[in-house]
Amino acid sequence: MSKVRAREAQGGFTLIELMVALTILVIGLLGLMGIVMVSLRASSFSRHGTEAAVLAEDKLEELRTLATPAGGTESNIDAQGNAGGIYTRTTTVNTVTYPDVGDLLVISVAVSWQEQEQGQTNNLDHTITLTTERMP
């Protein structure tokens, strides 16, 4: 008789309590996964934006030092400026005349890339443009 009473006093979780606990856990994990996915997308965009800004700055600095900079386009470059990446870098050089200053070279470097949002079929275009002026 004492063994039967000891088992009743121990108690435990019923199957229904376990199912409710698992349901709450699954709902919480699904919400957490959604947050992680949004974070990964934002991280990817941030990384690409930073790499594009560095590519633009590198080209801008290069063109500032040349005696006669020229425009052009480089397609499918990577974060180091080598072939095989997702970036397109377009450079334009224009001469602008200001009344008080005279002629200035306006150098612009635009780096663009495409990213596909999760759950969407079309790509989103992104562009970072840096511009500077210098004496010819």
Protein backbone atom coordinates (compact mmCIF):
# COMPACT_ATOMS: atom_id res chain seq x y z
CA MET A 1 0.00 0.00 0.00
CA SER A 2 2.84 2.44 0.70
CA LYS A 3 4.29 1.94 -2.80
CA VAL A 4 0.98 2.91 -4.43
CA ARG A 5 0.69 6.08 -2.35
CA ALA A 6 4.29 7.02 -3.12
CA ARG A 7 3.59 6.85 -6.86
CA GLU A 8 0.49 9.03 -6.53
CA ALA A 9 2.39 11.63 -4.52
CA GLN A 10 5.18 11.90 -7.12
CA GLY A 11 2.89 13.26 -9.77
CA GLY A 12 4.30 14.37 -13.11
CA PHE A 13 3.39 15.96 -16.39
CA THR A 14 0.41 14.68 -18.26
CA LEU A 15 0.46 14.27 -22.02
CA ILE A 16 -1.75 17.34 -22.47
CA GLU A 17 0.59 19.51 -20.39
CA LEU A 18 3.54 18.36 -22.51
CA MET A 19 1.66 19.14 -25.74
CA VAL A 20 0.78 22.64 -24.51
CA ALA A 21 4.39 23.27 -23.47
CA LEU A 22 5.72 22.04 -26.82
CA THR A 23 3.21 24.20 -28.72
CA ILE A 24 4.29 27.30 -26.81
CA LEU A 25 7.95 26.42 -27.44
CA VAL A 26 7.39 25.94 -31.18
CA ILE A 27 5.56 29.28 -31.48
CA GLY A 28 8.41 31.02 -29.68
CA LEU A 29 11.04 29.36 -31.89
CA LEU A 30 9.18 30.33 -35.07
CA GLY A 31 9.14 33.96 -33.94
CA LEU A 32 12.84 33.78 -33.15
CA MET A 33 13.59 32.32 -36.59
CA GLY A 34 11.76 35.22 -38.22
CA ILE A 35 13.93 37.69 -36.34
CA VAL A 36 17.08 35.80 -37.39
CA MET A 37 16.04 35.85 -41.06
CA VAL A 38 15.43 39.61 -41.01
CA SER A 39 18.78 40.09 -39.31
CA LEU A 40 20.59 38.01 -41.95
CA ARG A 41 19.03 40.00 -44.80
CA ALA A 42 19.98 43.29 -43.15
CA SER A 43 23.50 41.99 -42.56
CA SER A 44 23.86 41.00 -46.22
CA PHE A 45 22.70 44.41 -47.44
CA SER A 46 24.99 46.14 -44.97
CA ARG A 47 28.01 44.09 -46.08
CA HIS A 48 27.32 44.75 -49.76
CA GLY A 49 26.81 48.46 -49.10
CA THR A 50 30.12 48.69 -47.24
CA GLU A 51 31.98 46.81 -49.96
CA ALA A 52 30.43 49.06 -52.63
CA ALA A 53 31.45 52.19 -50.72
CA VAL A 54 35.04 50.93 -50.44
CA LEU A 55 35.12 50.12 -54.17
CA ALA A 56 33.86 53.61 -54.99
CA GLU A 57 36.31 55.31 -52.63
CA ASP A 58 39.26 53.33 -54.02
CA LYS A 59 38.42 54.33 -57.59
CA LEU A 60 37.79 57.94 -56.60
CA GLU A 61 41.20 58.15 -54.90
CA GLU A 62 42.84 56.59 -57.94
CA LEU A 63 41.22 59.09 -60.31
CA ARG A 64 42.15 62.05 -58.10
CA THR A 65 45.84 61.26 -58.58
CA LEU A 66 45.76 60.87 -62.38
CA ALA A 67 46.71 63.84 -64.56
CA THR A 68 43.88 63.14 -67.00
CA PRO A 69 41.25 60.89 -65.42
CA ALA A 70 38.81 59.14 -67.75
CA GLY A 71 35.39 57.62 -67.31
CA GLY A 72 34.47 54.01 -67.88
CA THR A 73 32.58 50.97 -66.64
CA GLU A 74 33.82 47.81 -64.94
CA SER A 75 31.29 44.98 -64.78
CA ASN A 76 31.11 41.91 -62.56
CA ILE A 77 33.82 42.89 -60.10
CA ASP A 78 34.19 41.62 -56.55
CA ALA A 79 34.90 43.49 -53.31
CA GLN A 80 38.61 43.78 -54.20
CA GLY A 81 37.94 45.06 -57.74
CA ASN A 82 38.77 41.73 -59.41
CA ALA A 83 36.63 39.90 -61.95
CA GLY A 84 33.89 37.56 -60.81
CA GLY A 85 31.73 39.61 -58.46
CA ILE A 86 28.28 41.19 -58.24
CA TYR A 87 29.30 44.85 -58.55
CA THR A 88 29.33 47.22 -61.53
CA ARG A 89 31.50 50.34 -61.12
CA THR A 90 30.79 53.28 -63.44
CA THR A 91 33.04 56.33 -63.55
CA THR A 92 32.20 59.69 -65.13
CA VAL A 93 34.46 62.71 -65.49
CA ASN A 94 33.00 66.07 -66.55
CA THR A 95 34.40 69.57 -66.76
CA VAL A 96 32.27 72.26 -65.15
CA THR A 97 32.97 75.99 -65.40
CA TYR A 98 32.22 78.15 -62.36
CA PRO A 99 32.25 81.96 -62.76
CA ASP A 100 34.43 82.66 -59.72
CA VAL A 101 36.65 79.57 -59.81
CA GLY A 102 37.03 78.58 -63.45
CA ASP A 103 37.09 75.02 -64.73
CA LEU A 104 36.78 72.10 -62.33
CA LEU A 105 36.71 68.37 -63.00
CA VAL A 106 33.70 66.66 -61.46
CA ILE A 107 34.53 63.00 -60.88
CA SER A 108 31.71 60.60 -59.97
CA VAL A 109 31.97 56.91 -59.18
CA ALA A 110 28.79 54.83 -58.92
CA VAL A 111 28.89 51.23 -57.71
CA SER A 112 25.72 49.20 -58.20
CA TRP A 113 24.64 45.66 -57.39
CA GLN A 114 21.49 43.56 -57.23
CA GLU A 115 20.08 41.64 -54.31
CA GLN A 116 17.11 39.33 -54.25
CA GLU A 117 14.78 39.68 -51.31
CA GLN A 118 13.62 36.42 -49.82
CA GLY A 119 10.23 35.43 -51.13
CA GLN A 120 10.44 37.80 -54.11
CA THR A 121 11.12 36.89 -57.71
CA ASN A 122 12.68 40.17 -58.86
CA ASN A 123 16.03 41.64 -57.83
CA LEU A 124 16.35 44.98 -56.09
CA ASP A 125 18.86 47.42 -57.57
CA HIS A 126 21.16 49.30 -55.20
CA THR A 127 23.66 52.04 -56.03
CA ILE A 128 26.20 54.04 -54.05
CA THR A 129 27.60 57.17 -55.72
CA LEU A 130 30.56 59.27 -54.59
CA THR A 131 31.45 62.58 -56.23
CA THR A 132 34.37 64.96 -55.90
CA GLU A 133 35.73 68.03 -57.67
CA ARG A 134 39.30 69.02 -58.44
CA MET A 135 41.29 71.41 -60.54
CA PRO A 136 42.14 70.08 -64.04
